[in-house]
Amino acid sequence: MREYVTLECGECGERNYRTQRQTRGGEGKLQLKKFCSRCGKHTGHKERKK
């Protein structure tokens, strides 16, 4: 089963991306390096629930 999560910029806090992840597995929170349009550079984005 999959669920939607929102990715939030670690520096400015803007929620830029929405993606899916599996609910099973017991992994930690999803963290990806993505481009933030507000900061203008690639930053770490962490998973946030809706």
PDB file of N, CA and C in Angstrom:
ATOM      1  N   MET A   1       0.846  -1.175   0.000  1.00  0.00           N
ATOM      2  CA  MET A   1       0.000   0.000   0.000  1.00  0.00           C
ATOM      3  C   MET A   1       0.895   1.242   0.000  1.00  0.00           C
ATOM      4  N   ARG A   2       0.464   2.286  -0.676  1.00  0.00           N
ATOM      5  CA  ARG A   2       1.247   3.500  -0.781  1.00  0.00           C
ATOM      6  C   ARG A   2       0.442   4.690  -0.257  1.00  0.00           C
ATOM      7  N   GLU A   3       1.166   5.697   0.207  1.00  0.00           N
ATOM      8  CA  GLU A   3       0.512   6.909   0.699  1.00  0.00           C
ATOM      9  C   GLU A   3       1.249   8.131   0.145  1.00  0.00           C
ATOM     10  N   TYR A   4       0.560   9.241   0.066  1.00  0.00           N
ATOM     11  CA  TYR A   4       1.159  10.485  -0.390  1.00  0.00           C
ATOM     12  C   TYR A   4       1.784  11.207   0.787  1.00  0.00           C
ATOM     13  N   VAL A   5       2.971  11.762   0.570  1.00  0.00           N
ATOM     14  CA  VAL A   5       3.641  12.589   1.565  1.00  0.00           C
ATOM     15  C   VAL A   5       4.121  13.859   0.878  1.00  0.00           C
ATOM     16  N   THR A   6       4.311  14.903   1.656  1.00  0.00           N
ATOM     17  CA  THR A   6       4.798  16.176   1.150  1.00  0.00           C
ATOM     18  C   THR A   6       6.241  16.334   1.594  1.00  0.00           C
ATOM     19  N   LEU A   7       7.092  16.865   0.716  1.00  0.00           N
ATOM     20  CA  LEU A   7       8.490  17.113   1.050  1.00  0.00           C
ATOM     21  C   LEU A   7       8.671  18.594   1.351  1.00  0.00           C
ATOM     22  N   GLU A   8       9.306  18.865   2.500  1.00  0.00           N
ATOM     23  CA  GLU A   8       9.493  20.233   2.973  1.00  0.00           C
ATOM     24  C   GLU A   8      10.973  20.574   2.981  1.00  0.00           C
ATOM     25  N   CYS A   9      11.315  21.758   2.509  1.00  0.00           N
ATOM     26  CA  CYS A   9      12.704  22.220   2.472  1.00  0.00           C
ATOM     27  C   CYS A   9      13.247  22.325   3.896  1.00  0.00           C
ATOM     28  N   GLY A  10      14.468  21.837   4.107  1.00  0.00           N
ATOM     29  CA  GLY A  10      15.087  21.879   5.428  1.00  0.00           C
ATOM     30  C   GLY A  10      15.557  23.258   5.831  1.00  0.00           C
ATOM     31  N   GLU A  11      15.785  24.144   4.872  1.00  0.00           N
ATOM     32  CA  GLU A  11      16.297  25.477   5.191  1.00  0.00           C
ATOM     33  C   GLU A  11      15.187  26.511   5.371  1.00  0.00           C
ATOM     34  N   CYS A  12      14.289  26.617   4.387  1.00  0.00           N
ATOM     35  CA  CYS A  12      13.269  27.681   4.468  1.00  0.00           C
ATOM     36  C   CYS A  12      11.909  27.168   4.944  1.00  0.00           C
ATOM     37  N   GLY A  13      11.660  25.854   4.877  1.00  0.00           N
ATOM     38  CA  GLY A  13      10.407  25.299   5.369  1.00  0.00           C
ATOM     39  C   GLY A  13       9.275  25.269   4.355  1.00  0.00           C
ATOM     40  N   GLU A  14       9.543  25.675   3.114  1.00  0.00           N
ATOM     41  CA  GLU A  14       8.497  25.648   2.095  1.00  0.00           C
ATOM     42  C   GLU A  14       8.239  24.216   1.649  1.00  0.00           C
ATOM     43  N   ARG A  15       6.970  23.890   1.463  1.00  0.00           N
ATOM     44  CA  ARG A  15       6.588  22.548   1.014  1.00  0.00           C
ATOM     45  C   ARG A  15       6.475  22.563  -0.499  1.00  0.00           C
ATOM     46  N   ASN A  16       7.463  21.968  -1.180  1.00  0.00           N
ATOM     47  CA  ASN A  16       7.591  22.083  -2.625  1.00  0.00           C
ATOM     48  C   ASN A  16       7.097  20.870  -3.397  1.00  0.00           C
ATOM     49  N   TYR A  17       7.277  19.694  -2.889  1.00  0.00           N
ATOM     50  CA  TYR A  17       7.032  18.476  -3.659  1.00  0.00           C
ATOM     51  C   TYR A  17       6.051  17.563  -2.950  1.00  0.00           C
ATOM     52  N   ARG A  18       5.339  16.761  -3.741  1.00  0.00           N
ATOM     53  CA  ARG A  18       4.425  15.748  -3.225  1.00  0.00           C
ATOM     54  C   ARG A  18       4.772  14.445  -3.919  1.00  0.00           C
ATOM     55  N   THR A  19       4.964  13.376  -3.157  1.00  0.00           N
ATOM     56  CA  THR A  19       5.374  12.100  -3.723  1.00  0.00           C
ATOM     57  C   THR A  19       4.713  10.961  -2.972  1.00  0.00           C
ATOM     58  N   GLN A  20       4.905   9.740  -3.457  1.00  0.00           N
ATOM     59  CA  GLN A  20       4.342   8.556  -2.817  1.00  0.00           C
ATOM     60  C   GLN A  20       5.444   7.761  -2.141  1.00  0.00           C
ATOM     61  N   ARG A  21       5.063   7.021  -1.104  1.00  0.00           N
ATOM     62  CA  ARG A  21       5.986   6.085  -0.468  1.00  0.00           C
ATOM     63  C   ARG A  21       5.200   4.919   0.083  1.00  0.00           C
ATOM     64  N   GLN A  22       5.888   3.810   0.293  1.00  0.00           N
ATOM     65  CA  GLN A  22       5.236   2.630   0.834  1.00  0.00           C
ATOM     66  C   GLN A  22       4.986   2.805   2.315  1.00  0.00           C
ATOM     67  N   THR A  23       3.846   2.284   2.783  1.00  0.00           N
ATOM     68  CA  THR A  23       3.518   2.399   4.199  1.00  0.00           C
ATOM     69  C   THR A  23       4.130   1.259   4.996  1.00  0.00           C
ATOM     70  N   ARG A  24       4.338   0.128   4.370  1.00  0.00           N
ATOM     71  CA  ARG A  24       4.944  -1.005   5.063  1.00  0.00           C
ATOM     72  C   ARG A  24       6.454  -0.837   5.136  1.00  0.00           C
ATOM     73  N   GLY A  25       7.086  -1.515   6.080  1.00  0.00           N
ATOM     74  CA  GLY A  25       8.535  -1.547   6.099  1.00  0.00           C
ATOM     75  C   GLY A  25       9.175  -0.937   7.325  1.00  0.00           C
ATOM     76  N   GLY A  26       8.546   0.010   7.973  1.00  0.00           N
ATOM     77  CA  GLY A  26       9.094   0.595   9.184  1.00  0.00           C
ATOM     78  C   GLY A  26      10.343   1.427   8.962  1.00  0.00           C
ATOM     79  N   GLU A  27      10.557   1.939   7.725  1.00  0.00           N
ATOM     80  CA  GLU A  27      11.714   2.788   7.495  1.00  0.00           C
ATOM     81  C   GLU A  27      11.502   4.125   8.177  1.00  0.00           C
ATOM     82  N   GLY A  28      12.570   4.903   8.242  1.00  0.00           N
ATOM     83  CA  GLY A  28      12.461   6.244   8.794  1.00  0.00           C
ATOM     84  C   GLY A  28      11.808   7.181   7.793  1.00  0.00           C
ATOM     85  N   LYS A  29      11.860   8.455   8.091  1.00  0.00           N
ATOM     86  CA  LYS A  29      11.255   9.443   7.203  1.00  0.00           C
ATOM     87  C   LYS A  29      12.080   9.565   5.928  1.00  0.00           C
ATOM     88  N   LEU A  30      11.392   9.814   4.830  1.00  0.00           N
ATOM     89  CA  LEU A  30      12.011   9.983   3.535  1.00  0.00           C
ATOM     90  C   LEU A  30      12.745  11.318   3.491  1.00  0.00           C
ATOM     91  N   GLN A  31      13.999  11.299   3.008  1.00  0.00           N
ATOM     92  CA  GLN A  31      14.764  12.528   2.866  1.00  0.00           C
ATOM     93  C   GLN A  31      15.489  12.490   1.527  1.00  0.00           C
ATOM     94  N   LEU A  32      15.236  13.508   0.692  1.00  0.00           N
ATOM     95  CA  LEU A  32      15.830  13.594  -0.634  1.00  0.00           C
ATOM     96  C   LEU A  32      16.442  14.970  -0.826  1.00  0.00           C
ATOM     97  N   LYS A  33      17.434  15.049  -1.704  1.00  0.00           N
ATOM     98  CA  LYS A  33      18.017  16.335  -2.058  1.00  0.00           C
ATOM     99  C   LYS A  33      17.320  16.814  -3.324  1.00  0.00           C
ATOM    100  N   LYS A  34      16.555  17.903  -3.211  1.00  0.00           N
ATOM    101  CA  LYS A  34      15.757  18.430  -4.317  1.00  0.00           C
ATOM    102  C   LYS A  34      16.035  19.927  -4.454  1.00  0.00           C
ATOM    103  N   PHE A  35      15.600  20.487  -5.604  1.00  0.00           N
ATOM    104  CA  PHE A  35      15.762  21.917  -5.846  1.00  0.00           C
ATOM    105  C   PHE A  35      14.628  22.693  -5.179  1.00  0.00           C
ATOM    106  N   CYS A  36      14.981  23.711  -4.437  1.00  0.00           N
ATOM    107  CA  CYS A  36      13.992  24.588  -3.804  1.00  0.00           C
ATOM    108  C   CYS A  36      13.934  25.889  -4.593  1.00  0.00           C
ATOM    109  N   SER A  37      12.768  26.224  -5.130  1.00  0.00           N
ATOM    110  CA  SER A  37      12.626  27.440  -5.930  1.00  0.00           C
ATOM    111  C   SER A  37      12.732  28.695  -5.074  1.00  0.00           C
ATOM    112  N   ARG A  38      12.402  28.605  -3.807  1.00  0.00           N
ATOM    113  CA  ARG A  38      12.473  29.766  -2.930  1.00  0.00           C
ATOM    114  C   ARG A  38      13.926  30.093  -2.558  1.00  0.00           C
ATOM    115  N   CYS A  39      14.716  29.050  -2.223  1.00  0.00           N
ATOM    116  CA  CYS A  39      16.132  29.236  -1.877  1.00  0.00           C
ATOM    117  C   CYS A  39      17.002  29.410  -3.118  1.00  0.00           C
ATOM    118  N   GLY A  40      16.584  28.803  -4.230  1.00  0.00           N
ATOM    119  CA  GLY A  40      17.341  28.892  -5.465  1.00  0.00           C
ATOM    120  C   GLY A  40      18.509  27.934  -5.542  1.00  0.00           C
ATOM    121  N   LYS A  41      18.469  26.849  -4.740  1.00  0.00           N
ATOM    122  CA  LYS A  41      19.557  25.866  -4.760  1.00  0.00           C
ATOM    123  C   LYS A  41      19.033  24.509  -4.319  1.00  0.00           C
ATOM    124  N   HIS A  42      19.871  23.492  -4.443  1.00  0.00           N
ATOM    125  CA  HIS A  42      19.502  22.145  -4.014  1.00  0.00           C
ATOM    126  C   HIS A  42      19.702  22.035  -2.509  1.00  0.00           C
ATOM    127  N   THR A  43      18.657  21.599  -1.812  1.00  0.00           N
ATOM    128  CA  THR A  43      18.696  21.446  -0.360  1.00  0.00           C
ATOM    129  C   THR A  43      18.059  20.121   0.020  1.00  0.00           C
ATOM    130  N   GLY A  44      18.263  19.704   1.255  1.00  0.00           N
ATOM    131  CA  GLY A  44      17.631  18.491   1.762  1.00  0.00           C
ATOM    132  C   GLY A  44      16.158  18.737   2.043  1.00  0.00           C
ATOM    133  N   HIS A  45      15.305  17.874   1.525  1.00  0.00           N
ATOM    134  CA  HIS A  45      13.862  17.954   1.750  1.00  0.00           C
ATOM    135  C   HIS A  45      13.437  16.750   2.571  1.00  0.00           C
ATOM    136  N   LYS A  46      12.719  16.978   3.656  1.00  0.00           N
ATOM    137  CA  LYS A  46      12.260  15.906   4.535  1.00  0.00           C
ATOM    138  C   LYS A  46      10.767  15.687   4.376  1.00  0.00           C
ATOM    139  N   GLU A  47      10.376  14.469   4.666  1.00  0.00           N
ATOM    140  CA  GLU A  47       8.972  14.073   4.563  1.00  0.00           C
ATOM    141  C   GLU A  47       8.139  14.753   5.650  1.00  0.00           C
ATOM    142  N   ARG A  48       6.975  15.225   5.233  1.00  0.00           N
ATOM    143  CA  ARG A  48       5.953  15.756   6.137  1.00  0.00           C
ATOM    144  C   ARG A  48       4.631  15.136   5.766  1.00  0.00           C
ATOM    145  N   LYS A  49       3.828  14.822   6.736  1.00  0.00           N
ATOM    146  CA  LYS A  49       2.474  14.362   6.452  1.00  0.00           C
ATOM    147  C   LYS A  49       1.656  15.570   6.028  1.00  0.00           C
ATOM    148  N   LYS A  50       0.523  15.321   5.369  1.00  0.00           N
ATOM    149  CA  LYS A  50      -0.320  16.414   4.872  1.00  0.00           C
ATOM    150  C   LYS A  50      -0.541  17.406   5.925  1.00  0.00           C
TER     151      LYS A  50
END
